[in-house]
Amino acid sequence: MLLVVDIGNTQTVVGVYAGEQLLSSWRIGTNRLNTSDELRAIVTPLMQAAGIYPDKVHRAAIASVVPQLTGAWQQAVRDVNNIEMLCCNAETAGELFVADYPHPHEIGSDRIADAVAAKARYGAPVVVVDFGTATNFEVIDLNGRFIGGIIAPGLQTSAAALTSHGALLPAIGLAAPAQAIGTNTVEAIQSGVMLGEADRVDGLVRRIFDQLGYTAPVVATGGLAKTMAPLCKTITNVDTDLTLEGLRLICG
């Protein structure tokens, strides 16, 4: 079996594959202070509850945007399985990730995994919108090359910044209001945050299409993909396992 780990700034997604089948996945909060022992104590019961025995894992891959946790995860897997985790990057992705980009080593590992999986599942061209701590756009052109993307503040990041800097503004749930014009403060904030994010996504996707000179499938992924996709007119597919699938493909 293959263990895949996607470490984001806010959440970490862990999955286990048997061949091409994703047996189970779990989304846990990212804690930069976790030790390898603590990570084992968190993940082992989750796997066992799903009927997956950790010692049956023979391969592992990781995408991480939190460097201080990368080593802790590698040590945890080393302690349990005596294997080394493959770290996703432009080099380890090999021929699966062809980039027309000045400095490929600067591209985040999660963005690489998303691009690899999107191309494999949806062909080229394709655009990925990953709704996480940041909202990332990845662009694969007609020739199957990663040509760049866009990084914007994520939905939760924007909402938290707004309410933390406005003394009289309440924290809100990330749900879309029934209409654009809010009739109370909470609805007004929800409209600005949720509908504003949807229109930003649609506007940026249209700018991407204008620059490319053609349209493409737009795949939403990330923890808030299912929440945001119905609000966006340009999103054509929702694939919440995209990053994990990219790691599986890169691991080979």
Protein backbone atom coordinates (compact mmCIF):
# COMPACT_ATOMS: atom_id res chain seq x y z
CA MET A 1 0.00 0.00 0.00
CA LEU A 2 0.97 3.61 -0.55
CA LEU A 3 0.70 6.36 2.06
CA VAL A 4 0.34 9.92 0.70
CA VAL A 5 0.50 13.08 2.79
CA ASP A 6 -0.37 16.61 1.66
CA ILE A 7 0.73 19.13 4.31
CA GLY A 8 -0.96 22.50 3.94
CA ASN A 9 -0.68 25.55 6.15
CA THR A 10 -4.10 24.96 7.71
CA GLN A 11 -4.92 21.32 7.08
CA THR A 12 -3.04 18.12 6.33
CA VAL A 13 -4.65 15.45 4.15
CA VAL A 14 -3.52 11.85 4.56
CA GLY A 15 -4.55 9.04 2.23
CA VAL A 16 -3.82 5.36 1.68
CA TYR A 17 -3.90 3.71 -1.75
CA ALA A 18 -4.07 0.08 -2.75
CA GLY A 19 -2.97 0.20 -6.36
CA GLU A 20 -5.04 2.94 -8.03
CA GLN A 21 -7.81 2.81 -5.40
CA LEU A 22 -7.90 5.39 -2.63
CA LEU A 23 -8.95 3.26 0.33
CA SER A 24 -9.40 6.06 2.86
CA SER A 25 -8.37 9.65 3.47
CA TRP A 26 -8.41 11.95 6.48
CA ARG A 27 -8.19 15.71 6.88
CA ILE A 28 -6.53 16.86 10.10
CA GLY A 29 -5.43 20.25 11.42
CA THR A 30 -1.83 21.23 10.67
CA ASN A 31 0.18 21.80 13.83
CA ARG A 32 3.72 22.99 13.15
CA LEU A 33 4.82 21.79 16.60
CA ASN A 34 3.87 18.13 16.08
CA THR A 35 6.69 15.65 16.62
CA SER A 36 7.04 12.38 14.74
CA ASP A 37 5.73 10.53 17.81
CA GLU A 38 2.66 12.76 17.95
CA LEU A 39 1.98 12.29 14.25
CA ARG A 40 2.10 8.51 14.66
CA ALA A 41 -0.31 8.77 17.60
CA ILE A 42 -2.75 10.80 15.48
CA VAL A 43 -2.67 8.82 12.25
CA THR A 44 -2.29 5.21 13.44
CA PRO A 45 -5.74 5.04 15.12
CA LEU A 46 -7.36 6.59 12.03
CA MET A 47 -5.84 3.93 9.81
CA GLN A 48 -6.71 1.11 12.18
CA ALA A 49 -10.33 2.30 12.44
CA ALA A 50 -10.53 2.01 8.65
CA GLY A 51 -9.13 -1.52 8.75
CA ILE A 52 -5.75 -0.42 7.40
CA TYR A 53 -2.68 -1.68 9.23
CA PRO A 54 0.21 0.81 9.13
CA ASP A 55 2.84 -1.91 8.79
CA LYS A 56 1.30 -2.88 5.43
CA VAL A 57 2.43 0.43 3.91
CA HIS A 58 5.46 -0.16 1.69
CA ARG A 59 5.71 3.18 -0.12
CA ALA A 60 5.06 6.79 0.87
CA ALA A 61 5.03 10.24 -0.74
CA ILE A 62 4.68 13.73 0.66
CA ALA A 63 3.85 17.23 -0.59
CA SER A 64 4.55 19.89 1.98
CA VAL A 65 4.42 23.67 2.24
CA VAL A 66 5.44 23.51 5.92
CA PRO A 67 9.15 22.60 5.95
CA GLN A 68 9.35 22.07 9.73
CA LEU A 69 6.77 19.26 9.47
CA THR A 70 8.32 17.51 6.49
CA GLY A 71 11.07 15.97 8.58
CA ALA A 72 8.66 14.95 11.34
CA TRP A 73 6.47 13.06 8.87
CA GLN A 74 9.49 11.43 7.26
CA GLN A 75 10.71 10.25 10.66
CA ALA A 76 7.28 8.95 11.64
CA VAL A 77 7.06 6.84 8.48
CA ARG A 78 10.66 5.72 8.89
CA ASP A 79 9.96 4.56 12.45
CA VAL A 80 6.83 2.58 11.54
CA ASN A 81 7.64 1.28 8.08
CA ASN A 82 11.41 1.62 7.68
CA ILE A 83 10.94 3.37 4.33
CA GLU A 84 11.83 6.79 2.98
CA MET A 85 9.06 9.13 1.83
CA LEU A 86 9.34 10.49 -1.70
CA CYS A 87 9.23 14.29 -1.55
CA CYS A 88 7.22 15.79 -4.40
CA ASN A 89 9.01 18.45 -6.45
CA ALA A 90 9.65 19.29 -10.10
CA GLU A 91 12.60 16.89 -10.22
CA THR A 92 10.95 13.86 -8.62
CA ALA A 93 7.84 14.36 -10.78
CA GLY A 94 10.04 13.77 -13.82
CA GLU A 95 8.31 13.53 -17.19
CA LEU A 96 4.88 13.77 -15.55
CA PHE A 97 5.53 17.47 -14.93
CA VAL A 98 6.67 19.42 -17.96
CA ALA A 99 7.06 23.10 -17.15
CA ASP A 100 7.55 26.15 -19.34
CA TYR A 101 8.57 28.16 -16.30
CA PRO A 102 11.78 30.09 -15.54
CA HIS A 103 12.50 28.49 -12.13
CA PRO A 104 10.64 25.17 -11.71
CA HIS A 105 12.29 24.53 -8.32
CA GLU A 106 10.27 27.45 -6.92
CA ILE A 107 6.92 25.78 -7.64
CA GLY A 108 5.17 24.45 -4.53
CA SER A 109 4.93 20.69 -4.23
CA ASP A 110 1.14 20.81 -3.84
CA ARG A 111 0.86 22.80 -7.07
CA ILE A 112 3.01 20.23 -8.87
CA ALA A 113 0.90 17.32 -7.59
CA ASP A 114 -2.31 19.13 -8.62
CA ALA A 115 -0.97 19.80 -12.11
CA VAL A 116 0.17 16.19 -12.61
CA ALA A 117 -3.18 14.74 -11.53
CA ALA A 118 -5.28 17.26 -13.46
CA LYS A 119 -3.43 16.55 -16.70
CA ALA A 120 -3.76 12.79 -16.16
CA ARG A 121 -7.47 12.90 -15.32
CA TYR A 122 -8.75 15.72 -17.53
CA GLY A 123 -6.17 16.08 -20.29
CA ALA A 124 -4.69 19.31 -21.57
CA PRO A 125 -5.41 22.17 -21.47
CA VAL A 126 -6.75 22.33 -17.93
CA VAL A 127 -6.90 24.85 -15.08
CA VAL A 128 -6.87 23.86 -11.39
CA VAL A 129 -8.32 26.06 -8.65
CA ASP A 130 -7.17 24.83 -5.23
CA PHE A 131 -9.19 26.34 -2.36
CA GLY A 132 -6.95 26.26 0.71
CA THR A 133 -5.14 28.75 2.92
CA ALA A 134 -4.36 30.39 -0.41
CA THR A 135 -6.48 30.05 -3.52
CA ASN A 136 -4.06 28.70 -6.11
CA PHE A 137 -4.63 28.56 -9.87
CA GLU A 138 -2.49 26.16 -11.93
CA VAL A 139 -2.50 26.42 -15.73
CA ILE A 140 -1.64 23.57 -18.10
CA ASP A 141 -1.58 24.64 -21.75
CA LEU A 142 -2.61 22.79 -24.91
CA ASN A 143 0.81 21.16 -25.10
CA GLY A 144 0.52 19.74 -21.59
CA ARG A 145 3.03 22.18 -20.08
CA PHE A 146 2.66 23.90 -16.73
CA ILE A 147 3.03 27.56 -17.68
CA GLY A 148 2.32 29.24 -14.34
CA GLY A 149 -0.64 30.32 -12.30
CA ILE A 150 -2.06 32.70 -9.73
CA ILE A 151 -1.85 32.77 -5.92
CA ALA A 152 -4.47 34.76 -4.01
CA PRO A 153 -5.54 34.94 -0.35
CA GLY A 154 -7.75 31.98 0.54
CA LEU A 155 -11.36 32.18 1.62
CA GLN A 156 -10.73 31.56 5.33
CA THR A 157 -7.68 33.83 5.25
CA SER A 158 -9.72 36.70 3.81
CA ALA A 159 -12.60 36.19 6.24
CA ALA A 160 -10.28 36.02 9.25
CA ALA A 161 -8.39 39.13 8.18
CA LEU A 162 -11.63 41.08 7.77
CA THR A 163 -13.16 40.16 11.12
CA SER A 164 -9.89 40.45 13.08
CA HIS A 165 -9.27 43.98 11.81
CA GLY A 166 -12.83 45.20 12.21
CA ALA A 167 -13.66 45.66 15.88
CA LEU A 168 -17.42 45.55 15.32
CA LEU A 169 -17.44 42.83 12.65
CA PRO A 170 -18.53 39.35 13.84
CA ALA A 171 -16.93 36.08 12.81
CA ILE A 172 -19.05 34.28 10.22
CA GLY A 173 -19.70 30.78 8.95
CA LEU A 174 -18.45 30.13 5.43
CA ALA A 175 -21.87 29.83 3.81
CA ALA A 176 -23.28 31.77 0.89
CA PRO A 177 -26.18 34.14 1.61
CA ALA A 178 -29.48 33.76 -0.23
CA GLN A 179 -28.96 37.05 -2.06
CA ALA A 180 -26.19 39.50 -2.80
CA ILE A 181 -27.61 42.39 -0.80
CA GLY A 182 -27.29 41.52 2.88
CA THR A 183 -30.04 42.66 5.22
CA ASN A 184 -27.86 42.31 8.32
CA THR A 185 -24.14 42.45 9.11
CA VAL A 186 -23.56 38.68 8.92
CA GLU A 187 -25.28 38.38 5.52
CA ALA A 188 -23.38 41.39 4.23
CA ILE A 189 -20.03 39.87 5.24
CA GLN A 190 -21.00 36.47 3.81
CA SER A 191 -21.91 38.11 0.54
CA GLY A 192 -18.64 39.98 0.35
CA VAL A 193 -16.53 37.00 1.33
CA MET A 194 -18.30 34.12 -0.41
CA LEU A 195 -19.76 35.77 -3.50
CA GLY A 196 -16.74 38.02 -3.76
CA GLU A 197 -14.46 34.97 -3.83
CA ALA A 198 -16.62 33.30 -6.47
CA ASP A 199 -16.55 36.37 -8.71
CA ARG A 200 -12.79 36.73 -8.19
CA VAL A 201 -12.30 33.11 -9.27
CA ASP A 202 -14.51 33.55 -12.34
CA GLY A 203 -12.83 36.82 -13.25
CA LEU A 204 -9.32 35.38 -12.96
CA VAL A 205 -10.27 32.26 -14.93
CA ARG A 206 -11.60 34.46 -17.74
CA ARG A 207 -8.35 36.43 -17.71
CA ILE A 208 -6.46 33.12 -17.97
CA PHE A 209 -8.60 32.11 -20.95
CA ASP A 210 -8.01 35.50 -22.59
CA GLN A 211 -4.26 35.10 -22.21
CA LEU A 212 -4.28 31.51 -23.47
CA GLY A 213 -6.56 32.32 -26.38
CA TYR A 214 -8.80 29.32 -25.63
CA THR A 215 -10.90 27.83 -22.84
CA ALA A 216 -10.23 24.72 -20.77
CA PRO A 217 -11.85 22.55 -18.10
CA VAL A 218 -11.58 24.16 -14.66
CA VAL A 219 -11.13 21.70 -11.79
CA ALA A 220 -11.78 22.75 -8.18
CA THR A 221 -9.95 20.99 -5.37
CA GLY A 222 -9.02 21.65 -1.75
CA GLY A 223 -10.97 21.69 1.47
CA LEU A 224 -13.48 24.34 0.36
CA ALA A 225 -13.93 23.14 -3.22
CA LYS A 226 -17.41 21.68 -2.66
CA THR A 227 -18.53 24.87 -0.93
CA MET A 228 -17.25 27.25 -3.59
CA ALA A 229 -17.79 25.33 -6.84
CA PRO A 230 -21.60 25.86 -6.97
CA LEU A 231 -21.03 29.62 -6.66
CA CYS A 232 -18.53 29.80 -9.54
CA LYS A 233 -19.73 29.85 -13.16
CA THR A 234 -16.41 28.76 -14.67
CA ILE A 235 -15.71 25.63 -12.60
CA THR A 236 -16.56 22.47 -14.52
CA ASN A 237 -15.36 19.71 -12.16
CA VAL A 238 -14.83 19.12 -8.44
CA ASP A 239 -12.06 16.70 -7.47
CA THR A 240 -11.15 16.88 -3.78
CA ASP A 241 -8.59 14.05 -4.05
CA LEU A 242 -6.58 15.72 -6.81
CA THR A 243 -3.41 16.38 -4.77
CA LEU A 244 -3.36 12.86 -3.34
CA GLU A 245 -3.81 11.44 -6.83
CA GLY A 246 -0.90 13.51 -8.08
CA LEU A 247 1.29 12.11 -5.33
CA ARG A 248 0.23 8.58 -6.25
CA LEU A 249 1.15 9.15 -9.89
CA ILE A 250 4.50 10.73 -9.04
CA CYS A 251 5.34 7.86 -6.69
CA GLY A 252 4.77 5.51 -9.64
